[in-house]
Amino acid sequence: MGEYSKALSSHERSLEIRKIALPPNHPDLAGSYNNISMVYSHMGEYSKALSSHERSLEIRKIALPPNHPDLGSSYNNVGLVYHNMGEYSKALSSYERALQIKKIALPPGHPSTARTERNIELLKKKM
């Protein structure tokens, strides 16, 4: 538990392998950037987390249909980082875009949609 440097190293190595094996905007690369972002978030290094989440989002915008659930998850993840950084208006914008996509892409009452709705509720209490 708490071995973030090892986790980060593993995810970065995975990303490097995927960069060699896959086209530049392959969705699996977005997954690798997302994993790296999550480690940075747990470490409290939000600017690095944001950078990786934004890279993941950009790849998914290119590689996936506009209402793909993974795209919604990326917007939610960007929102989480902005939320943790105290940039509430940017967080809200990201969460709202995530929710918009998830409501189209997922069945009613889906847990992922509910998580984004909860994130919006928690954020609005801080605004």
C-alpha atoms as a PDB file:
ATOM      1  CA  MET A   1       0.000   0.000   0.000  1.00  0.00           C
ATOM      2  CA  GLY A   2       1.262   3.464  -0.831  1.00  0.00           C
ATOM      3  CA  GLU A   3       3.977   2.281  -3.219  1.00  0.00           C
ATOM      4  CA  TYR A   4       3.191   5.008  -5.681  1.00  0.00           C
ATOM      5  CA  SER A   5       6.651   5.271  -7.195  1.00  0.00           C
ATOM      6  CA  LYS A   6       6.557   1.584  -8.147  1.00  0.00           C
ATOM      7  CA  ALA A   7       3.053   1.928  -9.553  1.00  0.00           C
ATOM      8  CA  LEU A   8       4.047   5.018 -11.511  1.00  0.00           C
ATOM      9  CA  SER A   9       7.121   3.295 -12.910  1.00  0.00           C
ATOM     10  CA  SER A  10       5.058   0.280 -13.995  1.00  0.00           C
ATOM     11  CA  HIS A  11       2.410   2.415 -15.683  1.00  0.00           C
ATOM     12  CA  GLU A  12       5.033   4.547 -17.422  1.00  0.00           C
ATOM     13  CA  ARG A  13       6.788   1.414 -18.684  1.00  0.00           C
ATOM     14  CA  SER A  14       3.460   0.083 -19.952  1.00  0.00           C
ATOM     15  CA  LEU A  15       2.845   3.368 -21.768  1.00  0.00           C
ATOM     16  CA  GLU A  16       6.253   3.245 -23.443  1.00  0.00           C
ATOM     17  CA  ILE A  17       5.612  -0.305 -24.668  1.00  0.00           C
ATOM     18  CA  ARG A  18       2.181   0.659 -25.966  1.00  0.00           C
ATOM     19  CA  LYS A  19       3.625   3.700 -27.760  1.00  0.00           C
ATOM     20  CA  ILE A  20       5.922   1.357 -29.682  1.00  0.00           C
ATOM     21  CA  ALA A  21       3.253  -1.237 -30.443  1.00  0.00           C
ATOM     22  CA  LEU A  22       0.211   0.927 -31.156  1.00  0.00           C
ATOM     23  CA  PRO A  23      -0.776   3.848 -33.388  1.00  0.00           C
ATOM     24  CA  PRO A  24      -0.419   7.288 -31.735  1.00  0.00           C
ATOM     25  CA  ASN A  25      -4.109   7.750 -30.924  1.00  0.00           C
ATOM     26  CA  HIS A  26      -5.034   4.202 -29.955  1.00  0.00           C
ATOM     27  CA  PRO A  27      -7.562   4.046 -27.073  1.00  0.00           C
ATOM     28  CA  ASP A  28      -5.241   1.786 -25.060  1.00  0.00           C
ATOM     29  CA  LEU A  29      -2.781   4.681 -24.843  1.00  0.00           C
ATOM     30  CA  ALA A  30      -5.547   6.745 -23.268  1.00  0.00           C
ATOM     31  CA  GLY A  31      -5.955   3.999 -20.679  1.00  0.00           C
ATOM     32  CA  SER A  32      -2.252   4.147 -19.870  1.00  0.00           C
ATOM     33  CA  TYR A  33      -2.334   7.924 -19.471  1.00  0.00           C
ATOM     34  CA  ASN A  34      -5.391   7.528 -17.254  1.00  0.00           C
ATOM     35  CA  ASN A  35      -3.566   5.026 -15.022  1.00  0.00           C
ATOM     36  CA  ILE A  36      -0.594   7.370 -14.681  1.00  0.00           C
ATOM     37  CA  SER A  37      -2.964  10.204 -13.809  1.00  0.00           C
ATOM     38  CA  MET A  38      -4.605   8.194 -11.067  1.00  0.00           C
ATOM     39  CA  VAL A  39      -1.252   7.541  -9.400  1.00  0.00           C
ATOM     40  CA  TYR A  40      -0.329  11.227  -9.574  1.00  0.00           C
ATOM     41  CA  SER A  41      -3.719  12.105  -8.061  1.00  0.00           C
ATOM     42  CA  HIS A  42      -3.143   9.740  -5.154  1.00  0.00           C
ATOM     43  CA  MET A  43       0.261  11.368  -4.661  1.00  0.00           C
ATOM     44  CA  GLY A  44      -1.346  14.817  -4.582  1.00  0.00           C
ATOM     45  CA  GLU A  45       0.535  15.898  -7.716  1.00  0.00           C
ATOM     46  CA  TYR A  46      -2.521  17.366  -9.362  1.00  0.00           C
ATOM     47  CA  SER A  47      -0.849  19.337 -12.142  1.00  0.00           C
ATOM     48  CA  LYS A  48       0.835  16.161 -13.400  1.00  0.00           C
ATOM     49  CA  ALA A  49      -2.421  14.245 -12.978  1.00  0.00           C
ATOM     50  CA  LEU A  50      -4.279  16.888 -14.961  1.00  0.00           C
ATOM     51  CA  SER A  51      -1.748  16.800 -17.776  1.00  0.00           C
ATOM     52  CA  SER A  52      -2.051  13.023 -18.136  1.00  0.00           C
ATOM     53  CA  HIS A  53      -5.849  13.064 -17.867  1.00  0.00           C
ATOM     54  CA  GLU A  54      -6.024  15.755 -20.536  1.00  0.00           C
ATOM     55  CA  ARG A  55      -3.795  13.673 -22.824  1.00  0.00           C
ATOM     56  CA  SER A  56      -6.069  10.682 -22.241  1.00  0.00           C
ATOM     57  CA  LEU A  57      -9.100  12.823 -23.047  1.00  0.00           C
ATOM     58  CA  GLU A  58      -7.540  14.148 -26.263  1.00  0.00           C
ATOM     59  CA  ILE A  59      -6.787  10.633 -27.484  1.00  0.00           C
ATOM     60  CA  ARG A  60     -10.301   9.479 -26.677  1.00  0.00           C
ATOM     61  CA  LYS A  61     -11.803  12.473 -28.511  1.00  0.00           C
ATOM     62  CA  ILE A  62      -9.938  11.370 -31.636  1.00  0.00           C
ATOM     63  CA  ALA A  63     -10.296   7.603 -31.287  1.00  0.00           C
ATOM     64  CA  LEU A  64     -13.832   7.165 -29.975  1.00  0.00           C
ATOM     65  CA  PRO A  65     -17.339   8.199 -31.005  1.00  0.00           C
ATOM     66  CA  PRO A  66     -18.492  11.478 -29.394  1.00  0.00           C
ATOM     67  CA  ASN A  67     -20.810   9.756 -26.923  1.00  0.00           C
ATOM     68  CA  HIS A  68     -18.618   6.817 -25.919  1.00  0.00           C
ATOM     69  CA  PRO A  69     -18.770   6.088 -22.171  1.00  0.00           C
ATOM     70  CA  ASP A  70     -14.964   6.160 -21.871  1.00  0.00           C
ATOM     71  CA  LEU A  71     -15.045   9.736 -23.107  1.00  0.00           C
ATOM     72  CA  GLY A  72     -17.521  10.517 -20.328  1.00  0.00           C
ATOM     73  CA  SER A  73     -15.181   8.893 -17.824  1.00  0.00           C
ATOM     74  CA  SER A  74     -12.303  11.026 -19.073  1.00  0.00           C
ATOM     75  CA  TYR A  75     -14.286  14.228 -18.590  1.00  0.00           C
ATOM     76  CA  ASN A  76     -15.241  13.031 -15.103  1.00  0.00           C
ATOM     77  CA  ASN A  77     -11.586  12.335 -14.269  1.00  0.00           C
ATOM     78  CA  VAL A  78     -10.506  15.783 -15.454  1.00  0.00           C
ATOM     79  CA  GLY A  79     -13.285  17.197 -13.277  1.00  0.00           C
ATOM     80  CA  LEU A  80     -12.021  15.278 -10.254  1.00  0.00           C
ATOM     81  CA  VAL A  81      -8.556  16.777 -10.612  1.00  0.00           C
ATOM     82  CA  TYR A  82      -9.910  20.306 -11.019  1.00  0.00           C
ATOM     83  CA  HIS A  83     -12.125  19.651  -7.987  1.00  0.00           C
ATOM     84  CA  ASN A  84      -9.086  18.606  -5.934  1.00  0.00           C
ATOM     85  CA  MET A  85      -7.196  21.686  -7.148  1.00  0.00           C
ATOM     86  CA  GLY A  86     -10.026  23.947  -5.999  1.00  0.00           C
ATOM     87  CA  GLU A  87     -10.831  25.059  -9.558  1.00  0.00           C
ATOM     88  CA  TYR A  88     -14.527  24.502  -9.095  1.00  0.00           C
ATOM     89  CA  SER A  89     -15.918  26.149 -12.225  1.00  0.00           C
ATOM     90  CA  LYS A  90     -13.617  24.059 -14.431  1.00  0.00           C
ATOM     91  CA  ALA A  91     -14.541  20.964 -12.433  1.00  0.00           C
ATOM     92  CA  LEU A  92     -18.247  21.657 -12.880  1.00  0.00           C
ATOM     93  CA  SER A  93     -17.861  22.151 -16.621  1.00  0.00           C
ATOM     94  CA  SER A  94     -16.015  18.834 -16.941  1.00  0.00           C
ATOM     95  CA  TYR A  95     -18.509  16.984 -14.748  1.00  0.00           C
ATOM     96  CA  GLU A  96     -21.448  18.373 -16.713  1.00  0.00           C
ATOM     97  CA  ARG A  97     -19.929  17.247 -20.015  1.00  0.00           C
ATOM     98  CA  ALA A  98     -19.273  13.818 -18.490  1.00  0.00           C
ATOM     99  CA  LEU A  99     -22.861  13.576 -17.309  1.00  0.00           C
ATOM    100  CA  GLN A 100     -24.199  14.635 -20.701  1.00  0.00           C
ATOM    101  CA  ILE A 101     -22.252  11.847 -22.419  1.00  0.00           C
ATOM    102  CA  LYS A 102     -23.055   9.210 -19.807  1.00  0.00           C
ATOM    103  CA  LYS A 103     -26.791   9.906 -19.983  1.00  0.00           C
ATOM    104  CA  ILE A 104     -26.664   9.176 -23.714  1.00  0.00           C
ATOM    105  CA  ALA A 105     -24.194   6.279 -23.630  1.00  0.00           C
ATOM    106  CA  LEU A 106     -25.299   4.340 -20.567  1.00  0.00           C
ATOM    107  CA  PRO A 107     -28.599   2.862 -19.373  1.00  0.00           C
ATOM    108  CA  PRO A 108     -30.640   4.809 -16.804  1.00  0.00           C
ATOM    109  CA  GLY A 109     -29.368   4.407 -13.257  1.00  0.00           C
ATOM    110  CA  HIS A 110     -25.910   3.220 -14.315  1.00  0.00           C
ATOM    111  CA  PRO A 111     -23.377   3.449 -11.445  1.00  0.00           C
ATOM    112  CA  SER A 112     -20.957   5.527 -13.525  1.00  0.00           C
ATOM    113  CA  THR A 113     -23.650   8.113 -14.194  1.00  0.00           C
ATOM    114  CA  ALA A 114     -24.573   8.126 -10.512  1.00  0.00           C
ATOM    115  CA  ARG A 115     -20.929   8.759  -9.533  1.00  0.00           C
ATOM    116  CA  THR A 116     -20.759  11.791 -11.797  1.00  0.00           C
ATOM    117  CA  GLU A 117     -24.069  13.097 -10.441  1.00  0.00           C
ATOM    118  CA  ARG A 118     -22.683  12.657  -6.918  1.00  0.00           C
ATOM    119  CA  ASN A 119     -19.489  14.502  -7.867  1.00  0.00           C
ATOM    120  CA  ILE A 120     -21.611  17.422  -9.078  1.00  0.00           C
ATOM    121  CA  GLU A 121     -23.617  17.434  -5.827  1.00  0.00           C
ATOM    122  CA  LEU A 122     -20.467  17.431  -3.696  1.00  0.00           C
ATOM    123  CA  LEU A 123     -18.899  20.169  -5.795  1.00  0.00           C
ATOM    124  CA  LYS A 124     -21.946  22.424  -5.619  1.00  0.00           C
ATOM    125  CA  LYS A 125     -21.807  22.245  -1.814  1.00  0.00           C
ATOM    126  CA  LYS A 126     -18.316  23.769  -2.001  1.00  0.00           C
ATOM    127  CA  MET A 127     -19.204  26.523  -4.472  1.00  0.00           C
END
